[in-house]
Protein backbone atom coordinates (compact mmCIF):
# COMPACT_ATOMS: atom_id res chain seq x y z
CA MET A 1 -23.35 -6.50 -10.57
CA ALA A 2 -21.19 -8.98 -12.33
CA ARG A 3 -18.06 -8.34 -14.27
CA SER A 4 -15.82 -10.93 -15.84
CA PHE A 5 -12.21 -10.58 -16.89
CA HIS A 6 -10.28 -12.65 -19.36
CA ALA A 7 -6.70 -11.42 -19.37
CA PRO A 8 -3.47 -13.32 -19.90
CA LEU A 9 -1.54 -10.07 -19.61
CA LYS A 10 -0.15 -8.53 -16.45
CA VAL A 11 -2.34 -5.54 -15.77
CA ALA A 12 -3.66 -3.86 -12.69
CA ALA A 13 -7.16 -2.52 -13.13
CA ALA A 14 -9.09 -0.21 -10.86
CA ILE A 15 -12.82 -0.38 -11.53
CA PHE A 16 -15.44 2.23 -10.69
CA LEU A 17 -19.17 1.81 -11.21
CA VAL A 18 -19.79 5.35 -12.44
CA ALA A 19 -17.60 7.15 -14.98
CA THR A 20 -15.85 10.19 -13.54
CA SER A 21 -13.54 11.22 -16.39
CA VAL A 22 -13.47 11.53 -20.16
CA LEU A 23 -11.97 8.76 -22.22
CA CYS A 24 -8.49 9.62 -23.42
CA ALA A 25 -5.18 8.12 -24.43
CA SER A 26 -2.48 7.08 -21.98
CA ARG A 27 -2.09 9.82 -19.41
CA ASP A 28 -0.01 10.72 -16.36
CA VAL A 29 -1.77 13.57 -14.61
CA THR A 30 1.08 13.86 -12.09
CA LEU A 31 3.20 15.38 -14.89
CA GLU A 32 0.61 18.01 -15.79
CA ASP A 33 1.25 21.50 -14.41
CA ARG A 34 -0.96 22.68 -11.52
CA THR A 35 -3.09 19.55 -11.30
CA ALA A 36 -4.31 18.78 -7.81
CA GLY A 37 -6.43 16.46 -5.67
CA ALA A 38 -6.03 13.41 -3.47
CA THR A 39 -5.82 10.98 -6.40
CA VAL A 40 -3.04 12.99 -8.03
CA VAL A 41 -1.09 13.23 -4.76
CA GLU A 42 -1.36 9.51 -4.11
CA ALA A 43 -0.38 8.65 -7.69
CA ALA A 44 2.71 10.89 -7.52
CA LEU A 45 3.84 9.40 -4.20
CA ARG A 46 3.19 5.84 -5.31
CA LYS A 47 5.20 6.44 -8.46
CA ILE A 48 8.21 7.41 -6.32
CA GLN A 49 7.71 4.67 -3.74
CA PHE A 50 7.52 1.93 -6.37
CA SER A 51 10.82 3.08 -7.87
CA GLU A 52 12.50 1.81 -4.65
CA ILE A 53 15.17 4.50 -4.98
CA PHE A 54 14.78 5.78 -1.44
CA SER A 55 15.27 3.75 1.74
CA ASN A 56 13.10 5.81 4.11
CA GLN A 57 9.73 4.28 4.99
CA ASP A 58 7.17 6.98 4.24
CA LEU A 59 4.34 5.72 6.53
CA GLY A 60 1.92 8.29 5.14
CA PHE A 61 4.17 11.23 6.05
CA LEU A 62 4.34 12.98 2.66
CA ARG A 63 0.65 12.27 2.12
CA ARG A 64 -0.08 14.19 5.32
CA VAL A 65 2.33 16.99 4.43
CA ALA A 66 0.52 17.54 1.11
CA TYR A 67 -2.77 17.92 2.96
CA VAL A 68 -1.36 20.14 5.71
CA GLU A 69 0.48 22.44 3.31
CA SER A 70 -2.15 22.90 0.60
CA ARG A 71 -5.13 20.58 1.11
CA ASP A 72 -3.75 18.50 -1.77
CA GLY A 73 -3.50 21.63 -3.92
CA ALA A 74 -7.02 22.91 -3.22
CA LEU A 75 -6.00 26.06 -1.33
CA PRO A 76 -6.16 29.17 -3.55
CA GLU A 77 -2.54 30.16 -2.88
CA THR A 78 -1.11 26.73 -3.77
CA PHE A 79 0.03 27.82 -7.24
CA SER A 80 0.03 31.60 -6.82
CA ASN A 81 2.55 31.98 -3.97
CA PRO A 82 5.89 32.99 -5.58
CA GLU A 83 7.87 31.98 -2.49
CA ARG A 84 6.52 28.47 -2.04
CA LYS A 85 5.77 26.17 -4.92
CA GLY A 86 3.27 23.41 -5.50
CA ILE A 87 1.26 21.01 -3.41
CA TRP A 88 4.08 20.47 -0.91
CA GLN A 89 4.78 24.25 -0.69
CA ILE A 90 8.57 24.01 -0.93
CA ASP A 91 10.55 27.26 -0.81
CA ALA A 92 13.61 28.16 -2.88
CA THR A 93 16.08 27.51 -0.05
CA ARG A 94 14.87 23.98 0.52
CA PHE A 95 14.66 23.33 -3.20
CA SER A 96 18.34 24.26 -3.49
CA GLN A 97 19.08 21.72 -0.76
CA THR A 98 17.73 18.97 -3.02
CA LYS A 99 20.52 19.77 -5.48
CA GLU A 100 23.38 19.18 -3.03
CA ALA A 101 26.12 16.86 -4.25
CA SER A 102 25.92 14.77 -1.08
CA LEU A 103 22.28 14.02 -1.94
CA LEU A 104 22.63 13.60 -5.69
CA THR A 105 25.25 10.88 -5.61
CA PRO A 106 26.17 9.27 -8.96
CA SER A 107 24.25 6.17 -7.97
CA ARG A 108 21.08 8.10 -7.09
CA VAL A 109 21.34 10.27 -10.20
CA LEU A 110 21.53 7.14 -12.33
CA LYS A 111 18.51 5.57 -10.59
CA LEU A 112 16.48 8.76 -11.00
CA ARG A 113 17.23 8.72 -14.71
CA GLU A 114 16.63 5.01 -15.24
CA LYS A 115 13.60 4.47 -13.02
CA LEU A 116 11.85 7.84 -13.01
CA ARG A 117 13.30 9.36 -16.21
CA VAL A 118 14.36 12.51 -14.38
CA ASP A 119 17.56 14.54 -14.61
CA TRP A 120 17.12 16.39 -11.34
CA SER A 121 19.99 18.78 -12.04
CA ASN A 122 17.88 20.31 -14.84
CA VAL A 123 14.65 20.62 -12.82
CA THR A 124 13.78 24.25 -11.97
CA PHE A 125 12.06 25.75 -8.94
CA ASP A 126 9.01 26.65 -11.03
CA ALA A 127 8.65 22.97 -12.04
CA LEU A 128 7.48 22.17 -8.49
CA SER A 129 3.98 23.26 -9.48
CA THR A 130 3.86 19.92 -11.32
CA PRO A 131 2.75 17.30 -8.74
CA PHE A 132 5.39 14.68 -9.56
CA TYR A 133 8.30 17.12 -9.31
CA GLY A 134 6.89 18.57 -6.10
CA ALA A 135 6.56 15.08 -4.62
CA LEU A 136 10.08 14.15 -5.69
CA ALA A 137 11.51 17.34 -4.15
CA ALA A 138 9.70 16.54 -0.91
CA GLN A 139 11.10 12.99 -0.96
CA LEU A 140 14.61 14.31 -1.57
CA LEU A 141 14.27 16.58 1.48
CA VAL A 142 13.45 13.50 3.54
CA ALA A 143 16.37 11.56 2.00
CA ARG A 144 18.68 14.49 2.81
CA GLN A 145 18.33 13.55 6.47
CA GLY A 146 20.15 10.29 5.82
CA ASP A 147 18.79 7.40 7.85
CA LEU A 148 15.92 9.44 9.29
CA GLN A 149 13.35 6.95 10.56
CA LEU A 150 9.88 8.37 10.16
CA LEU A 151 7.36 7.20 12.71
CA PRO A 152 3.65 6.72 11.97
CA GLU A 153 2.34 8.81 14.88
CA ALA A 154 1.02 12.23 13.87
CA GLU A 155 2.81 13.87 16.83
CA ALA A 156 6.22 12.65 15.64
CA GLN A 157 5.45 13.49 12.02
CA ALA A 158 4.49 17.04 13.02
CA ASN A 159 8.03 17.63 14.26
CA ASP A 160 9.55 16.09 11.12
CA TRP A 161 7.29 18.22 8.91
CA TYR A 162 8.30 21.46 10.53
CA LYS A 163 11.99 20.61 10.56
CA LEU A 164 12.06 19.55 6.91
CA PHE A 165 9.64 22.04 5.34
CA ARG A 166 9.37 25.06 7.62
CA GLY A 167 11.90 25.78 10.34
CA SER A 168 13.84 24.21 13.18
CA VAL A 169 11.75 23.94 16.35
CA ILE A 170 8.02 23.53 15.87
CA THR A 171 5.67 26.00 17.55
CA THR A 172 2.60 24.93 19.50
CA LYS A 173 0.36 26.59 16.91
CA ALA A 174 2.05 24.74 14.04
CA ALA A 175 1.89 21.42 15.88
CA ASP A 176 -1.81 21.88 16.59
CA LYS A 177 -2.42 22.66 12.92
CA PHE A 178 -0.61 19.53 11.74
CA LEU A 179 -2.46 17.30 14.22
CA ALA A 180 -5.85 18.80 13.34
CA ASP A 181 -5.24 18.50 9.60
CA ALA A 182 -3.89 14.94 9.96
CA GLU A 183 -7.01 13.95 11.88
CA GLU A 184 -9.20 15.58 9.23
CA LEU A 185 -7.36 13.66 6.51
CA ASP A 186 -7.72 10.38 8.40
CA GLU A 187 -11.48 10.96 8.63
CA LYS A 188 -11.63 11.54 4.87
CA GLU A 189 -9.83 8.24 4.27
CA THR A 190 -12.08 6.04 6.39
CA LEU A 191 -13.37 4.07 3.39
CA CYS A 192 -11.32 1.11 2.23
CA ASP A 193 -10.80 0.71 -1.52
CA ALA A 194 -11.39 -3.03 -1.17
CA PRO A 195 -15.10 -3.70 -0.48
CA SER A 196 -14.27 -7.31 0.39
CA MET A 197 -11.08 -9.16 1.27
CA ASP A 198 -9.72 -12.32 2.88
CA LEU A 199 -7.06 -11.15 5.33
CA VAL A 200 -4.87 -13.51 7.37
CA PHE A 201 -2.31 -12.59 10.03
CA VAL A 202 0.54 -15.03 10.68
CA VAL A 203 1.93 -14.39 14.17
CA GLU A 204 5.18 -15.91 15.41
CA SER A 205 5.15 -16.78 19.09
CA ASP A 206 8.83 -16.24 19.89
CA MET A 207 8.37 -13.38 22.40
CA GLU A 208 7.72 -12.47 26.01
CA GLN A 209 4.12 -12.34 27.21
CA ALA A 210 4.11 -8.51 27.35
CA ASP A 211 5.36 -8.37 23.76
CA PHE A 212 2.73 -10.89 22.70
CA GLN A 213 0.04 -8.64 24.18
CA SER A 214 1.46 -5.79 22.09
CA VAL A 215 0.97 -7.96 19.00
CA LEU A 216 -2.65 -8.64 19.96
CA SER A 217 -3.21 -4.90 20.46
CA PHE A 218 -1.77 -4.36 16.98
CA LEU A 219 -4.17 -6.93 15.49
CA HIS A 220 -7.07 -5.36 17.35
CA SER A 221 -6.27 -1.88 16.06
CA ALA A 222 -5.55 -3.05 12.51
CA VAL A 223 -8.82 -4.92 11.98
CA ASP A 224 -10.98 -2.35 13.80
CA PHE A 225 -10.90 -0.22 10.64
CA PHE A 226 -12.51 -2.85 8.39
CA ASP A 227 -16.14 -3.69 7.78
CA ILE A 228 -16.14 -7.28 9.07
CA GLY A 229 -18.66 -9.77 7.76
CA ALA A 230 -19.19 -12.85 5.62
CA GLY A 231 -19.69 -10.81 2.44
CA LYS A 232 -17.20 -8.12 3.37
CA VAL A 233 -13.78 -8.46 5.02
CA ARG A 234 -13.01 -11.84 6.60
CA VAL A 235 -10.07 -12.13 8.99
CA GLY A 236 -8.11 -15.20 10.06
CA VAL A 237 -5.13 -15.67 12.37
CA VAL A 238 -2.36 -18.29 12.26
CA LEU A 239 -0.13 -18.85 15.30
CA SER A 240 3.27 -20.26 14.40
CA SER A 241 5.58 -21.99 16.86
CA GLU A 242 8.34 -24.55 16.82
CA GLN A 243 6.09 -26.94 18.72
CA LYS A 244 2.83 -26.44 16.82
CA THR A 245 1.53 -24.19 14.05
CA GLN A 246 -2.21 -23.84 13.63
CA THR A 247 -5.02 -21.61 12.45
CA VAL A 248 -6.43 -20.19 15.69
CA ILE A 249 -9.08 -18.04 13.98
CA PRO A 250 -10.43 -19.46 10.67
CA LEU A 251 -11.79 -17.04 8.08
CA SER A 252 -15.25 -18.49 8.66
CA ALA A 253 -15.12 -18.23 12.46
CA THR A 254 -16.45 -14.71 13.01
CA GLN A 255 -19.46 -13.01 11.46
CA ASN A 256 -18.98 -9.49 12.80
CA LYS A 257 -16.39 -7.21 14.38
CA THR A 258 -17.46 -7.93 17.95
CA GLN A 259 -16.95 -11.67 17.53
CA LEU A 260 -13.57 -11.08 15.87
CA MET A 261 -12.31 -8.81 18.65
CA GLU A 262 -13.36 -11.35 21.26
CA ALA A 263 -11.59 -14.13 19.38
CA ILE A 264 -8.35 -12.11 19.10
CA ALA A 265 -8.42 -11.37 22.83
CA THR A 266 -8.46 -15.10 23.63
CA ILE A 267 -5.33 -16.01 21.60
CA GLU A 268 -2.57 -17.36 23.82
CA SER A 269 1.14 -17.50 23.01
CA ALA A 270 2.54 -20.97 22.43
CA GLY A 271 5.77 -19.89 24.12
CA TYR A 272 8.03 -21.51 21.55
CA ARG A 273 10.08 -20.10 18.70
CA GLY A 274 8.00 -19.43 15.62
CA LEU A 275 8.67 -21.12 12.30
CA ARG A 276 7.96 -18.68 9.46
CA GLN A 277 7.89 -21.39 6.81
CA ALA A 278 5.35 -23.41 8.78
CA GLY A 279 3.21 -20.33 9.40
CA ILE A 280 3.06 -19.35 5.73
CA ASN A 281 2.41 -22.95 4.67
CA GLU A 282 -0.42 -23.24 7.20
CA MET A 283 -1.95 -20.07 5.80
CA VAL A 284 -1.75 -21.40 2.22
CA ASP A 285 -2.71 -25.02 2.88
CA ASN A 286 -5.49 -24.47 5.42
CA THR A 287 -6.52 -20.92 6.23
CA PHE A 288 -6.97 -19.80 2.62
CA GLN A 289 -8.89 -22.92 1.61
CA VAL A 290 -12.47 -22.40 0.48
CA ALA A 291 -13.62 -25.16 2.83
CA ASN A 292 -12.26 -23.11 5.75
CA GLY A 293 -13.92 -19.83 4.83
CA ALA A 294 -11.83 -18.35 2.01
CA ARG A 295 -13.74 -17.18 -1.03
CA PRO A 296 -12.99 -18.72 -4.45
CA LEU A 297 -10.56 -16.77 -6.64
CA SER A 298 -13.32 -16.56 -9.22
CA GLU A 299 -15.09 -14.02 -6.97
CA GLY A 300 -12.18 -11.61 -7.32
CA VAL A 301 -11.69 -11.16 -3.58
CA PRO A 302 -8.07 -10.16 -2.74
CA ARG A 303 -6.09 -12.50 -0.51
CA VAL A 304 -3.62 -10.78 1.81
CA GLY A 305 -1.25 -12.38 4.31
CA VAL A 306 0.37 -10.17 6.97
CA ILE A 307 3.45 -11.87 8.45
CA VAL A 308 4.29 -10.50 11.91
CA ALA A 309 7.93 -11.60 12.02
CA VAL A 310 9.78 -11.36 15.33
CA GLY A 311 13.02 -13.27 14.72
CA ASN A 312 15.39 -14.54 12.03
CA GLU A 313 14.39 -17.90 10.65
CA LEU A 314 16.16 -21.08 11.62
CA ALA A 315 18.65 -22.68 9.24
CA PHE A 316 16.15 -25.33 8.18
CA ASP A 317 13.27 -22.88 7.84
CA ASN A 318 12.88 -22.62 4.05
CA VAL A 319 11.01 -19.32 3.82
CA THR A 320 11.78 -18.81 0.12
CA LEU A 321 9.84 -21.92 -0.86
CA ALA A 322 6.92 -20.98 1.39
CA VAL A 323 6.78 -17.46 -0.05
CA SER A 324 6.78 -18.89 -3.57
CA ARG A 325 3.87 -21.18 -2.65
CA ALA A 326 1.94 -18.20 -1.28
CA ARG A 327 2.52 -16.26 -4.48
CA ASN A 328 1.31 -19.22 -6.53
CA ALA A 329 -1.80 -19.30 -4.34
CA SER A 330 -2.50 -15.65 -5.27
CA VAL A 331 -1.66 -14.34 -1.79
CA ARG A 332 -0.06 -10.91 -1.43
CA LEU A 333 2.41 -10.93 1.47
CA ILE A 334 3.08 -7.94 3.73
CA ALA A 335 5.88 -8.27 6.28
CA VAL A 336 5.84 -6.52 9.64
CA ALA A 337 9.38 -7.03 10.93
CA VAL A 338 9.89 -6.40 14.64
CA SER A 339 13.12 -5.62 16.47
CA SER A 340 16.41 -7.13 15.27
CA ILE A 341 15.36 -9.06 12.15
CA ASP A 342 17.92 -9.09 9.36
CA PRO A 343 16.59 -6.63 6.70
CA ASN A 344 17.33 -9.12 3.92
CA VAL A 345 15.30 -11.76 5.76
CA ALA A 346 12.38 -9.37 6.15
CA ARG A 347 12.46 -8.35 2.48
CA SER A 348 12.48 -11.98 1.40
CA VAL A 349 9.00 -12.39 2.88
CA ALA A 350 7.33 -9.29 1.41
CA SER A 351 5.74 -9.32 -2.03
CA PHE A 352 7.20 -7.15 -4.79
CA PRO A 353 7.99 -4.32 -4.53
CA ASN A 354 9.56 -5.50 -1.27
CA LYS A 355 10.18 -2.11 0.35
CA TYR A 356 6.59 -1.07 -0.30
CA ASN A 357 5.19 -4.20 1.37
CA LEU A 358 7.47 -4.10 4.40
CA PHE A 359 7.27 -2.33 7.76
CA ASN A 360 10.28 -2.25 10.09
CA VAL A 361 9.31 -1.75 13.73
CA ASN A 362 11.90 -1.13 16.45
CA LEU A 363 9.96 -2.38 19.47
CA HIS A 364 6.94 -4.57 20.06
CA SER A 365 5.35 -1.72 22.02
CA HIS A 366 5.47 0.44 18.84
CA LEU A 367 3.51 -2.07 16.78
CA VAL A 368 0.09 -0.56 17.40
CA THR A 369 1.19 2.75 15.84
CA TYR A 370 1.75 0.93 12.52
CA ALA A 371 -1.87 -0.23 12.30
CA SER A 372 -2.97 2.81 10.28
CA PRO A 373 -0.29 2.62 7.53
CA LEU A 374 -0.87 -1.14 7.36
CA ARG A 375 -4.58 -0.59 6.79
CA ARG A 376 -3.86 1.84 3.94
CA LEU A 377 -1.57 -0.70 2.30
CA VAL A 378 -3.97 -3.61 2.74
CA CYS A 379 -6.82 -1.60 1.23
CA SER A 380 -4.91 -1.23 -2.05
CA ALA A 381 -4.41 -4.99 -2.42
CA SER A 382 -4.98 -6.55 -5.82
CA THR A 383 -6.60 -9.83 -6.70
CA LEU A 384 -3.72 -11.88 -8.13
CA LEU A 385 -4.77 -14.13 -10.99
CA ASP A 386 -2.82 -16.79 -12.87
CA ALA A 387 -3.35 -19.12 -15.81
CA ARG A 388 -5.63 -21.34 -13.75
CA GLN A 389 -8.00 -18.50 -12.87
CA ARG A 390 -8.58 -15.84 -15.49
CA LYS A 391 -12.24 -15.05 -14.95
CA VAL A 392 -13.52 -12.97 -12.04
CA THR A 393 -17.09 -12.14 -11.11
CA SER A 394 -17.52 -9.40 -8.52
CA GLN A 395 -20.30 -7.49 -6.83
CA LEU A 396 -19.45 -3.81 -6.49
CA GLN A 397 -21.46 -0.87 -5.23
CA ARG A 398 -21.36 2.66 -6.60
CA GLY A 399 -17.89 4.19 -6.20
CA GLN A 400 -16.19 0.96 -5.09
CA LYS A 401 -12.94 -0.26 -6.67
CA ARG A 402 -11.43 -3.59 -7.52
CA PHE A 403 -7.74 -4.07 -8.34
CA VAL A 404 -6.73 -7.08 -10.40
CA GLU A 405 -3.29 -8.24 -11.58
CA PHE A 406 -2.61 -10.69 -14.40
CA GLN A 407 0.50 -12.52 -15.56
CA PRO A 408 1.66 -11.44 -19.03
CA SER A 409 1.65 -13.70 -22.04
CA LEU A 410 4.50 -13.16 -24.48
CA LEU A 411 3.33 -15.74 -27.00
CA GLN A 412 -0.12 -14.50 -27.89
CA ARG A 413 -2.22 -11.37 -28.13
CA SER A 414 -3.69 -10.19 -24.86
CA ALA A 415 -7.22 -9.06 -24.15
CA VAL A 416 -9.27 -7.86 -21.21
CA LYS A 417 -12.99 -8.42 -21.36
CA VAL A 418 -15.41 -6.76 -18.96
CA ASP A 419 -19.07 -7.82 -18.90
CA VAL A 420 -21.37 -5.52 -16.92
CA SER A 421 -24.78 -6.86 -15.96
CA GLN A 422 -26.00 -3.56 -14.55
CA GLY A 423 -24.59 -0.05 -14.25
CA GLU A 424 -21.39 1.40 -15.66
CA VAL A 425 -17.70 1.01 -14.85
CA LEU A 426 -14.39 2.58 -15.71
CA VAL A 427 -11.31 0.40 -16.15
CA TYR A 428 -7.81 1.84 -15.74
CA ALA A 429 -4.90 -0.36 -16.72
CA SER A 430 -1.12 -0.39 -16.56
CA MET A 431 1.76 -2.70 -17.37
CA GLU A 432 4.16 -0.67 -15.22
CA TYR A 433 2.68 -0.51 -11.72
CA PRO A 434 -0.27 -1.68 -9.63
CA ASN A 435 -3.24 0.47 -8.59
CA PRO A 436 -3.71 2.62 -11.70
CA SER A 437 -6.28 5.40 -11.42
CA GLU A 438 -7.45 8.57 -13.11
CA GLY A 439 -4.29 10.11 -11.64
CA ARG A 440 -1.91 7.80 -13.49
CA SER A 441 -2.47 4.88 -15.82
CA SER A 442 -0.95 3.57 -19.02
CA LEU A 443 -1.15 0.44 -21.10
CA ILE A 444 1.94 0.31 -23.28
CA GLN A 445 0.50 -1.75 -26.11
CA HIS A 446 -0.38 -0.42 -29.54
CA GLY A 447 -4.06 0.16 -30.13
CA VAL A 448 -5.22 -0.15 -26.51
CA HIS A 449 -6.34 2.76 -24.39
CA HIS A 450 -5.47 2.99 -20.69
CA VAL A 451 -9.07 3.67 -19.65
CA SER A 452 -12.24 2.18 -21.05
CA ARG A 453 -15.90 2.63 -20.25
CA PHE A 454 -18.14 -0.40 -19.99
CA SER A 455 -21.92 -0.34 -19.57
CA SER A 456 -24.67 -2.92 -19.31
CA ALA A 457 -26.64 -3.43 -22.47
């Protein structure tokens, strides 16, 4: 089923084959009282994360808390319990903690007003039945713990959940509930939003053999989630070293998951310090070339590069230039920074918003636990288009999504055209953030609706 886009304006569009909502004007469901559901929860959390106000890496924690506390608002008592409010079921005592002066510093108050248009001092306890305010209160409770480093494992998050939202020391019964609900949620989220993708890992070889094996275990766990195949998700691997940087697994090398796993297992460390610039350039110049297995941009397949960074770059390693070249090649970069990397160095690699596309990992042995949050992030990747490529033709099945981003044009009127050869699609658009959905979308241009229905003739 083909769809073509002609859009000189920066928009992110999520496309569904079958309409699931009524056409309406620009809408933010996260600000509507007592709305619920997974889409609403994810939209509220993404809205906060993209503001980059808070330094804590979420790693799916508040997403899990919403499901554990209220099944994303589906439990009957979610909005009827007078003692606990909203999807995150926050009580009055903890809500009052979000108003503490040590938490609402002048700098944070200003950012909340400028980026999220919220004066938190005027928000009431009853307002937590609105998903966005409930999510923001939950995030403030996390921020209240200062430099609390959330971990991706459900066992660790169970303890953090109970400490932040319930009591002090978690009970066995409560821990079992969190783990069971987290597992249930993970099973519900087994489908990737991206039906097809070209995904390349750039691995730096500056590490001990045991640490290198931890990296391979991370790759194995990360790709195990995807549906691997020529017309689905293709995976490549670049090994970067001071001596030699090369593509060790081309995108065209494996036709199924078994072949890919076997290929990953055979990768050997070069034993020399990695050059991040060389690794990113190799990915752009060779791995993502159509001749080597990448799909043309005209097919609308997202290109994602995951940089597993293990050390600070050398003085002559011009990462900024390499990152710019990747962006110009329509590659979204996600940085996985291990151990003692300078935070500024790590952020310089990740695509905007930097904090959202960056994972900080303390030890190589912890890498494998970050495979799940990485998969969730990769699955929301957009196809990045520029002036050279403004038309996309994609094959989507019922219920599948495609995210597309365009560069704005300030000199001429902008238009998005969708041609549907068979079936029906919904298009959600935004000029404020990527991944719009029925939960939150807006196109701030006179005369254009945020969601449109397109059908084949």
